[in-house]
Amino acid sequence: AGAAGGLYAHTVRIIDPDVFMFMFTITMVIMVIVGGKG
């Protein structure tokens, strides 16, 4: 997850506290469960 965050920082090239938004976690959970966890 830290690698993903580093990619985000160096590709978008601007970050603020919104990178900690709860919606980002929900997006990850949806991707995992809908695609098939495990």
PDB file of all heavy atoms in Angstrom:
ATOM      1  N   ALA A   1       0.828  -1.201   0.000  1.00  0.00           N
ATOM      2  CA  ALA A   1       0.000   0.000   0.000  1.00  0.00           C
ATOM      3  C   ALA A   1       0.868   1.258   0.000  1.00  0.00           C
ATOM      4  O   ALA A   1       0.538   2.259  -0.652  1.00  0.00           O
ATOM      5  CB  ALA A   1      -0.924   0.000   1.218  1.00  0.00           C
ATOM      6  N   GLY A   2       2.005   1.205   0.710  1.00  0.00           N
ATOM      7  CA  GLY A   2       2.938   2.324   0.690  1.00  0.00           C
ATOM      8  C   GLY A   2       3.517   2.554  -0.689  1.00  0.00           C
ATOM      9  O   GLY A   2       3.731   3.704  -1.103  1.00  0.00           O
ATOM     10  N   ALA A   3       3.773   1.463  -1.429  1.00  0.00           N
ATOM     11  CA  ALA A   3       4.258   1.600  -2.804  1.00  0.00           C
ATOM     12  C   ALA A   3       3.208   2.283  -3.673  1.00  0.00           C
ATOM     13  O   ALA A   3       3.537   3.134  -4.512  1.00  0.00           O
ATOM     14  CB  ALA A   3       4.605   0.225  -3.366  1.00  0.00           C
ATOM     15  N   ALA A   4       1.933   1.906  -3.488  1.00  0.00           N
ATOM     16  CA  ALA A   4       0.856   2.554  -4.236  1.00  0.00           C
ATOM     17  C   ALA A   4       0.787   4.042  -3.895  1.00  0.00           C
ATOM     18  O   ALA A   4       0.605   4.889  -4.786  1.00  0.00           O
ATOM     19  CB  ALA A   4      -0.480   1.877  -3.932  1.00  0.00           C
ATOM     20  N   GLY A   5       0.943   4.382  -2.609  1.00  0.00           N
ATOM     21  CA  GLY A   5       0.935   5.786  -2.214  1.00  0.00           C
ATOM     22  C   GLY A   5       2.107   6.562  -2.802  1.00  0.00           C
ATOM     23  O   GLY A   5       1.949   7.710  -3.237  1.00  0.00           O
ATOM     24  N   GLY A   6       3.290   5.938  -2.826  1.00  0.00           N
ATOM     25  CA  GLY A   6       4.447   6.591  -3.443  1.00  0.00           C
ATOM     26  C   GLY A   6       4.228   6.843  -4.928  1.00  0.00           C
ATOM     27  O   GLY A   6       4.589   7.904  -5.446  1.00  0.00           O
ATOM     28  N   LEU A   7       3.642   5.857  -5.609  1.00  0.00           N
ATOM     29  CA  LEU A   7       3.316   6.048  -7.030  1.00  0.00           C
ATOM     30  C   LEU A   7       2.375   7.237  -7.203  1.00  0.00           C
ATOM     31  O   LEU A   7       2.545   8.060  -8.110  1.00  0.00           O
ATOM     32  CB  LEU A   7       2.652   4.792  -7.590  1.00  0.00           C
ATOM     33  CG  LEU A   7       3.547   3.669  -8.116  1.00  0.00           C
ATOM     34  CD1 LEU A   7       2.679   2.521  -8.606  1.00  0.00           C
ATOM     35  CD2 LEU A   7       4.444   4.175  -9.242  1.00  0.00           C
ATOM     36  N   TYR A   8       1.364   7.276  -6.339  1.00  0.00           N
ATOM     37  CA  TYR A   8       0.391   8.369  -6.422  1.00  0.00           C
ATOM     38  C   TYR A   8       1.081   9.725  -6.250  1.00  0.00           C
ATOM     39  O   TYR A   8       0.835  10.667  -7.011  1.00  0.00           O
ATOM     40  CB  TYR A   8      -0.671   8.166  -5.339  1.00  0.00           C
ATOM     41  CG  TYR A   8      -1.767   9.205  -5.339  1.00  0.00           C
ATOM     42  CD1 TYR A   8      -2.872   9.077  -6.171  1.00  0.00           C
ATOM     43  CD2 TYR A   8      -1.694  10.312  -4.485  1.00  0.00           C
ATOM     44  CE1 TYR A   8      -3.880  10.035  -6.159  1.00  0.00           C
ATOM     45  CE2 TYR A   8      -2.692  11.269  -4.475  1.00  0.00           C
ATOM     46  CZ  TYR A   8      -3.787  11.121  -5.312  1.00  0.00           C
ATOM     47  OH  TYR A   8      -4.781  12.074  -5.307  1.00  0.00           O
ATOM     48  N   ALA A   9       1.963   9.827  -5.265  1.00  0.00           N
ATOM     49  CA  ALA A   9       2.632  11.095  -4.998  1.00  0.00           C
ATOM     50  C   ALA A   9       3.499  11.540  -6.164  1.00  0.00           C
ATOM     51  O   ALA A   9       3.508  12.719  -6.539  1.00  0.00           O
ATOM     52  CB  ALA A   9       3.477  10.975  -3.730  1.00  0.00           C
ATOM     53  N   HIS A  10       4.236  10.607  -6.773  1.00  0.00           N
ATOM     54  CA  HIS A  10       5.192  10.982  -7.809  1.00  0.00           C
ATOM     55  C   HIS A  10       4.573  11.064  -9.199  1.00  0.00           C
ATOM     56  O   HIS A  10       5.239  11.533 -10.133  1.00  0.00           O
ATOM     57  CB  HIS A  10       6.358  10.004  -7.819  1.00  0.00           C
ATOM     58  CG  HIS A  10       7.252  10.129  -6.620  1.00  0.00           C
ATOM     59  ND1 HIS A  10       8.128  11.177  -6.450  1.00  0.00           N
ATOM     60  CD2 HIS A  10       7.376   9.352  -5.513  1.00  0.00           C
ATOM     61  CE1 HIS A  10       8.773  11.034  -5.309  1.00  0.00           C
ATOM     62  NE2 HIS A  10       8.338   9.940  -4.719  1.00  0.00           N
ATOM     63  N   THR A  11       3.340  10.608  -9.352  1.00  0.00           N
ATOM     64  CA  THR A  11       2.663  10.752 -10.647  1.00  0.00           C
ATOM     65  C   THR A  11       1.703  11.947 -10.639  1.00  0.00           C
ATOM     66  O   THR A  11       1.662  12.727 -11.586  1.00  0.00           O
ATOM     67  CB  THR A  11       1.890   9.475 -11.019  1.00  0.00           C
ATOM     68  OG1 THR A  11       1.003   9.115  -9.953  1.00  0.00           O
ATOM     69  CG2 THR A  11       2.850   8.322 -11.265  1.00  0.00           C
ATOM     70  N   VAL A  12       0.955  12.118  -9.551  1.00  0.00           N
ATOM     71  CA  VAL A  12       0.087  13.295  -9.424  1.00  0.00           C
ATOM     72  C   VAL A  12       0.923  14.538  -9.100  1.00  0.00           C
ATOM     73  O   VAL A  12       0.605  15.649  -9.533  1.00  0.00           O
ATOM     74  CB  VAL A  12      -0.979  13.057  -8.339  1.00  0.00           C
ATOM     75  CG1 VAL A  12      -1.845  14.291  -8.129  1.00  0.00           C
ATOM     76  CG2 VAL A  12      -1.849  11.865  -8.713  1.00  0.00           C
ATOM     77  N   ARG A  13       1.986  14.345  -8.289  1.00  0.00           N
ATOM     78  CA  ARG A  13       2.979  15.356  -7.959  1.00  0.00           C
ATOM     79  C   ARG A  13       2.438  16.471  -7.068  1.00  0.00           C
ATOM     80  O   ARG A  13       3.023  17.538  -6.967  1.00  0.00           O
ATOM     81  CB  ARG A  13       3.622  15.928  -9.225  1.00  0.00           C
ATOM     82  CG  ARG A  13       4.272  14.868 -10.110  1.00  0.00           C
ATOM     83  CD  ARG A  13       4.967  15.435 -11.313  1.00  0.00           C
ATOM     84  NE  ARG A  13       6.087  16.272 -10.924  1.00  0.00           N
ATOM     85  CZ  ARG A  13       6.791  17.002 -11.789  1.00  0.00           C
ATOM     86  NH1 ARG A  13       6.477  16.989 -13.059  1.00  0.00           N
ATOM     87  NH2 ARG A  13       7.788  17.741 -11.358  1.00  0.00           N
ATOM     88  N   ILE A  14       1.321  16.209  -6.406  1.00  0.00           N
ATOM     89  CA  ILE A  14       0.796  17.100  -5.381  1.00  0.00           C
ATOM     90  C   ILE A  14      -0.087  16.260  -4.461  1.00  0.00           C
ATOM     91  O   ILE A  14      -0.907  15.480  -4.942  1.00  0.00           O
ATOM     92  CB  ILE A  14       0.004  18.274  -5.992  1.00  0.00           C
ATOM     93  CG1 ILE A  14      -0.553  19.164  -4.871  1.00  0.00           C
ATOM     94  CG2 ILE A  14      -1.097  17.783  -6.918  1.00  0.00           C
ATOM     95  CD1 ILE A  14      -1.167  20.456  -5.380  1.00  0.00           C
ATOM     96  N   ILE A  15       0.125  16.374  -3.162  1.00  0.00           N
ATOM     97  CA  ILE A  15      -0.681  15.602  -2.221  1.00  0.00           C
ATOM     98  C   ILE A  15      -1.079  16.488  -1.046  1.00  0.00           C
ATOM     99  O   ILE A  15      -0.379  17.440  -0.687  1.00  0.00           O
ATOM    100  CB  ILE A  15       0.059  14.347  -1.690  1.00  0.00           C
ATOM    101  CG1 ILE A  15       1.375  14.733  -1.006  1.00  0.00           C
ATOM    102  CG2 ILE A  15       0.280  13.334  -2.787  1.00  0.00           C
ATOM    103  CD1 ILE A  15       2.027  13.573  -0.274  1.00  0.00           C
ATOM    104  N   ASP A  16      -2.219  16.172  -0.462  1.00  0.00           N
ATOM    105  CA  ASP A  16      -2.707  16.858   0.729  1.00  0.00           C
ATOM    106  C   ASP A  16      -3.337  15.811   1.638  1.00  0.00           C
ATOM    107  O   ASP A  16      -3.343  14.606   1.298  1.00  0.00           O
ATOM    108  CB  ASP A  16      -3.685  17.968   0.351  1.00  0.00           C
ATOM    109  CG  ASP A  16      -4.905  17.452  -0.393  1.00  0.00           C
ATOM    110  OD1 ASP A  16      -5.211  16.247  -0.303  1.00  0.00           O
ATOM    111  OD2 ASP A  16      -5.569  18.255  -1.076  1.00  0.00           O
ATOM    112  N   PRO A  17      -3.858  16.195   2.800  1.00  0.00           N
ATOM    113  CA  PRO A  17      -4.411  15.192   3.722  1.00  0.00           C
ATOM    114  C   PRO A  17      -5.559  14.363   3.167  1.00  0.00           C
ATOM    115  O   PRO A  17      -5.948  13.365   3.779  1.00  0.00           O
ATOM    116  CB  PRO A  17      -4.876  16.051   4.912  1.00  0.00           C
ATOM    117  CG  PRO A  17      -3.971  17.237   4.888  1.00  0.00           C
ATOM    118  CD  PRO A  17      -3.751  17.527   3.439  1.00  0.00           C
ATOM    119  N   ASP A  18      -6.087  14.741   2.009  1.00  0.00           N
ATOM    120  CA  ASP A  18      -7.166  13.950   1.416  1.00  0.00           C
ATOM    121  C   ASP A  18      -6.702  12.563   0.968  1.00  0.00           C
ATOM    122  O   ASP A  18      -7.544  11.722   0.638  1.00  0.00           O
ATOM    123  CB  ASP A  18      -7.784  14.689   0.231  1.00  0.00           C
ATOM    124  CG  ASP A  18      -8.746  15.782   0.672  1.00  0.00           C
ATOM    125  OD1 ASP A  18      -9.097  15.804   1.875  1.00  0.00           O
ATOM    126  OD2 ASP A  18      -9.135  16.620  -0.163  1.00  0.00           O
ATOM    127  N   VAL A  19      -5.385  12.320   0.932  1.00  0.00           N
ATOM    128  CA  VAL A  19      -4.931  10.967   0.589  1.00  0.00           C
ATOM    129  C   VAL A  19      -5.311   9.966   1.674  1.00  0.00           C
ATOM    130  O   VAL A  19      -5.248   8.751   1.453  1.00  0.00           O
ATOM    131  CB  VAL A  19      -3.405  10.904   0.359  1.00  0.00           C
ATOM    132  CG1 VAL A  19      -2.996  11.733  -0.830  1.00  0.00           C
ATOM    133  CG2 VAL A  19      -2.627  11.308   1.596  1.00  0.00           C
ATOM    134  N   PHE A  20      -5.722  10.476   2.846  1.00  0.00           N
ATOM    135  CA  PHE A  20      -6.173   9.605   3.931  1.00  0.00           C
ATOM    136  C   PHE A  20      -7.700   9.467   3.957  1.00  0.00           C
ATOM    137  O   PHE A  20      -8.252   9.002   4.950  1.00  0.00           O
ATOM    138  CB  PHE A  20      -5.693  10.143   5.280  1.00  0.00           C
ATOM    139  CG  PHE A  20      -4.202  10.091   5.471  1.00  0.00           C
ATOM    140  CD1 PHE A  20      -3.427  11.226   5.286  1.00  0.00           C
ATOM    141  CD2 PHE A  20      -3.577   8.908   5.827  1.00  0.00           C
ATOM    142  CE1 PHE A  20      -2.048  11.189   5.461  1.00  0.00           C
ATOM    143  CE2 PHE A  20      -2.201   8.852   6.009  1.00  0.00           C
ATOM    144  CZ  PHE A  20      -1.431   9.993   5.820  1.00  0.00           C
ATOM    145  N   MET A  21      -8.376   9.889   2.893  1.00  0.00           N
ATOM    146  CA  MET A  21      -9.839   9.848   2.879  1.00  0.00           C
ATOM    147  C   MET A  21     -10.355   8.425   3.069  1.00  0.00           C
ATOM    148  O   MET A  21      -9.842   7.479   2.459  1.00  0.00           O
ATOM    149  CB  MET A  21     -10.391  10.397   1.558  1.00  0.00           C
ATOM    150  CG  MET A  21     -10.457  11.898   1.474  1.00  0.00           C
ATOM    151  SD  MET A  21     -11.551  12.437   0.134  1.00  0.00           S
ATOM    152  CE  MET A  21     -10.885  11.538  -1.244  1.00  0.00           C
ATOM    153  N   PHE A  22     -11.386   8.287   3.879  1.00  0.00           N
ATOM    154  CA  PHE A  22     -12.003   6.985   4.135  1.00  0.00           C
ATOM    155  C   PHE A  22     -12.547   6.367   2.843  1.00  0.00           C
ATOM    156  O   PHE A  22     -12.571   5.152   2.683  1.00  0.00           O
ATOM    157  CB  PHE A  22     -13.123   7.149   5.157  1.00  0.00           C
ATOM    158  CG  PHE A  22     -13.810   5.866   5.536  1.00  0.00           C
ATOM    159  CD1 PHE A  22     -13.124   4.860   6.202  1.00  0.00           C
ATOM    160  CD2 PHE A  22     -15.141   5.660   5.219  1.00  0.00           C
ATOM    161  CE1 PHE A  22     -13.753   3.675   6.549  1.00  0.00           C
ATOM    162  CE2 PHE A  22     -15.780   4.489   5.572  1.00  0.00           C
ATOM    163  CZ  PHE A  22     -15.082   3.483   6.235  1.00  0.00           C
ATOM    164  N   MET A  23     -12.952   7.223   1.895  1.00  0.00           N
ATOM    165  CA  MET A  23     -13.514   6.726   0.633  1.00  0.00           C
ATOM    166  C   MET A  23     -12.498   5.903  -0.141  1.00  0.00           C
ATOM    167  O   MET A  23     -12.862   4.981  -0.873  1.00  0.00           O
ATOM    168  CB  MET A  23     -13.993   7.910  -0.213  1.00  0.00           C
ATOM    169  CG  MET A  23     -14.821   7.511  -1.422  1.00  0.00           C
ATOM    170  SD  MET A  23     -16.329   6.636  -0.907  1.00  0.00           S
ATOM    171  CE  MET A  23     -16.765   5.820  -2.430  1.00  0.00           C
ATOM    172  N   PHE A  24     -11.221   6.210   0.013  1.00  0.00           N
ATOM    173  CA  PHE A  24     -10.201   5.428  -0.682  1.00  0.00           C
ATOM    174  C   PHE A  24     -10.179   3.986  -0.170  1.00  0.00           C
ATOM    175  O   PHE A  24     -10.029   3.040  -0.940  1.00  0.00           O
ATOM    176  CB  PHE A  24      -8.817   6.070  -0.505  1.00  0.00           C
ATOM    177  CG  PHE A  24      -8.594   7.287  -1.358  1.00  0.00           C
ATOM    178  CD1 PHE A  24      -7.454   8.060  -1.211  1.00  0.00           C
ATOM    179  CD2 PHE A  24      -9.520   7.665  -2.306  1.00  0.00           C
ATOM    180  CE1 PHE A  24      -7.232   9.175  -1.998  1.00  0.00           C
ATOM    181  CE2 PHE A  24      -9.314   8.788  -3.108  1.00  0.00           C
ATOM    182  CZ  PHE A  24      -8.169   9.548  -2.951  1.00  0.00           C
ATOM    183  N   THR A  25     -10.320   3.819   1.151  1.00  0.00           N
ATOM    184  CA  THR A  25     -10.377   2.468   1.701  1.00  0.00           C
ATOM    185  C   THR A  25     -11.608   1.728   1.183  1.00  0.00           C
ATOM    186  O   THR A  25     -11.534   0.548   0.817  1.00  0.00           O
ATOM    187  CB  THR A  25     -10.403   2.507   3.234  1.00  0.00           C
ATOM    188  OG1 THR A  25      -9.162   3.024   3.720  1.00  0.00           O
ATOM    189  CG2 THR A  25     -10.605   1.107   3.813  1.00  0.00           C
ATOM    190  N   ILE A  26     -12.755   2.408   1.151  1.00  0.00           N
ATOM    191  CA  ILE A  26     -13.976   1.782   0.652  1.00  0.00           C
ATOM    192  C   ILE A  26     -13.790   1.348  -0.796  1.00  0.00           C
ATOM    193  O   ILE A  26     -14.239   0.262  -1.204  1.00  0.00           O
ATOM    194  CB  ILE A  26     -15.166   2.745   0.785  1.00  0.00           C
ATOM    195  CG1 ILE A  26     -15.418   3.065   2.262  1.00  0.00           C
ATOM    196  CG2 ILE A  26     -16.415   2.163   0.149  1.00  0.00           C
ATOM    197  CD1 ILE A  26     -15.716   1.850   3.105  1.00  0.00           C
ATOM    198  N   THR A  27     -13.115   2.183  -1.588  1.00  0.00           N
ATOM    199  CA  THR A  27     -12.845   1.820  -2.981  1.00  0.00           C
ATOM    200  C   THR A  27     -12.017   0.538  -3.064  1.00  0.00           C
ATOM    201  O   THR A  27     -12.311  -0.353  -3.866  1.00  0.00           O
ATOM    202  CB  THR A  27     -12.100   2.966  -3.686  1.00  0.00           C
ATOM    203  OG1 THR A  27     -12.904   4.148  -3.641  1.00  0.00           O
ATOM    204  CG2 THR A  27     -11.812   2.617  -5.132  1.00  0.00           C
ATOM    205  N   MET A  28     -10.991   0.428  -2.223  1.00  0.00           N
ATOM    206  CA  MET A  28     -10.172  -0.785  -2.207  1.00  0.00           C
ATOM    207  C   MET A  28     -10.996  -2.001  -1.810  1.00  0.00           C
ATOM    208  O   MET A  28     -10.878  -3.078  -2.435  1.00  0.00           O
ATOM    209  CB  MET A  28      -9.001  -0.616  -1.230  1.00  0.00           C
ATOM    210  CG  MET A  28      -8.051   0.508  -1.531  1.00  0.00           C
ATOM    211  SD  MET A  28      -6.819   0.675  -0.198  1.00  0.00           S
ATOM    212  CE  MET A  28      -6.295   2.371  -0.430  1.00  0.00           C
ATOM    213  N   VAL A  29     -11.820  -1.864  -0.787  1.00  0.00           N
ATOM    214  CA  VAL A  29     -12.636  -2.984  -0.319  1.00  0.00           C
ATOM    215  C   VAL A  29     -13.597  -3.438  -1.415  1.00  0.00           C
ATOM    216  O   VAL A  29     -13.774  -4.646  -1.656  1.00  0.00           O
ATOM    217  CB  VAL A  29     -13.415  -2.600   0.954  1.00  0.00           C
ATOM    218  CG1 VAL A  29     -14.399  -3.692   1.340  1.00  0.00           C
ATOM    219  CG2 VAL A  29     -12.449  -2.343   2.102  1.00  0.00           C
ATOM    220  N   ILE A  30     -14.229  -2.489  -2.096  1.00  0.00           N
ATOM    221  CA  ILE A  30     -15.148  -2.832  -3.183  1.00  0.00           C
ATOM    222  C   ILE A  30     -14.411  -3.589  -4.286  1.00  0.00           C
ATOM    223  O   ILE A  30     -14.906  -4.599  -4.811  1.00  0.00           O
ATOM    224  CB  ILE A  30     -15.805  -1.561  -3.745  1.00  0.00           C
ATOM    225  CG1 ILE A  30     -16.785  -0.976  -2.722  1.00  0.00           C
ATOM    226  CG2 ILE A  30     -16.526  -1.853  -5.055  1.00  0.00           C
ATOM    227  CD1 ILE A  30     -17.331   0.370  -3.108  1.00  0.00           C
ATOM    228  N   MET A  31     -13.231  -3.119  -4.661  1.00  0.00           N
ATOM    229  CA  MET A  31     -12.454  -3.784  -5.712  1.00  0.00           C
ATOM    230  C   MET A  31     -12.138  -5.228  -5.336  1.00  0.00           C
ATOM    231  O   MET A  31     -12.230  -6.137  -6.160  1.00  0.00           O
ATOM    232  CB  MET A  31     -11.156  -3.018  -5.971  1.00  0.00           C
ATOM    233  CG  MET A  31     -11.334  -1.675  -6.654  1.00  0.00           C
ATOM    234  SD  MET A  31      -9.757  -0.803  -6.827  1.00  0.00           S
ATOM    235  CE  MET A  31     -10.256   0.629  -7.795  1.00  0.00           C
ATOM    236  N   VAL A  32     -11.767  -5.443  -4.068  1.00  0.00           N
ATOM    237  CA  VAL A  32     -11.386  -6.784  -3.620  1.00  0.00           C
ATOM    238  C   VAL A  32     -12.602  -7.706  -3.560  1.00  0.00           C
ATOM    239  O   VAL A  32     -12.573  -8.833  -4.082  1.00  0.00           O
ATOM    240  CB  VAL A  32     -10.699  -6.710  -2.236  1.00  0.00           C
ATOM    241  CG1 VAL A  32     -10.492  -8.113  -1.674  1.00  0.00           C
ATOM    242  CG2 VAL A  32      -9.359  -5.990  -2.356  1.00  0.00           C
ATOM    243  N   ILE A  33     -13.684  -7.253  -2.960  1.00  0.00           N
ATOM    244  CA  ILE A  33     -14.844  -8.118  -2.749  1.00  0.00           C
ATOM    245  C   ILE A  33     -15.568  -8.406  -4.062  1.00  0.00           C
ATOM    246  O   ILE A  33     -15.944  -9.548  -4.339  1.00  0.00           O
ATOM    247  CB  ILE A  33     -15.803  -7.487  -1.722  1.00  0.00           C
ATOM    248  CG1 ILE A  33     -15.129  -7.467  -0.349  1.00  0.00           C
ATOM    249  CG2 ILE A  33     -17.119  -8.251  -1.658  1.00  0.00           C
ATOM    250  CD1 ILE A  33     -15.956  -6.838   0.739  1.00  0.00           C
ATOM    251  N   VAL A  34     -15.769  -7.394  -4.888  1.00  0.00           N
ATOM    252  CA  VAL A  34     -16.459  -7.607  -6.155  1.00  0.00           C
ATOM    253  C   VAL A  34     -15.619  -8.479  -7.084  1.00  0.00           C
ATOM    254  O   VAL A  34     -16.139  -9.379  -7.750  1.00  0.00           O
ATOM    255  CB  VAL A  34     -16.798  -6.262  -6.823  1.00  0.00           C
ATOM    256  CG1 VAL A  34     -17.322  -6.471  -8.238  1.00  0.00           C
ATOM    257  CG2 VAL A  34     -17.843  -5.517  -6.001  1.00  0.00           C
ATOM    258  N   GLY A  35     -14.320  -8.233  -7.136  1.00  0.00           N
ATOM    259  CA  GLY A  35     -13.466  -9.054  -7.990  1.00  0.00           C
ATOM    260  C   GLY A  35     -13.321 -10.473  -7.485  1.00  0.00           C
ATOM    261  O   GLY A  35     -13.236 -11.413  -8.270  1.00  0.00           O
ATOM    262  N   GLY A  36     -13.305 -10.648  -6.170  1.00  0.00           N
ATOM    263  CA  GLY A  36     -13.165 -11.972  -5.576  1.00  0.00           C
ATOM    264  C   GLY A  36     -12.022 -12.001  -4.587  1.00  0.00           C
ATOM    265  O   GLY A  36     -10.862 -12.135  -4.978  1.00  0.00           O
ATOM    266  N   LYS A  37     -12.349 -11.865  -3.301  1.00  0.00           N
ATOM    267  CA  LYS A  37     -11.299 -11.852  -2.285  1.00  0.00           C
ATOM    268  C   LYS A  37     -10.678 -13.242  -2.160  1.00  0.00           C
ATOM    269  O   LYS A  37     -11.327 -14.263  -2.384  1.00  0.00           O
ATOM    270  CB  LYS A  37     -11.853 -11.396  -0.939  1.00  0.00           C
ATOM    271  CG  LYS A  37     -12.911 -12.302  -0.336  1.00  0.00           C
ATOM    272  CD  LYS A  37     -13.355 -11.794   1.022  1.00  0.00           C
ATOM    273  CE  LYS A  37     -14.373 -12.735   1.648  1.00  0.00           C
ATOM    274  NZ  LYS A  37     -14.782 -12.302   2.999  1.00  0.00           N
ATOM    275  N   GLY A  38      -9.413 -13.255  -1.816  1.00  0.00           N
ATOM    276  CA  GLY A  38      -8.709 -14.530  -1.697  1.00  0.00           C
ATOM    277  C   GLY A  38      -8.308 -15.119  -3.030  1.00  0.00           C
ATOM    278  O   GLY A  38      -7.915 -16.278  -3.098  1.00  0.00           O
TER     279      GLY A  38
END
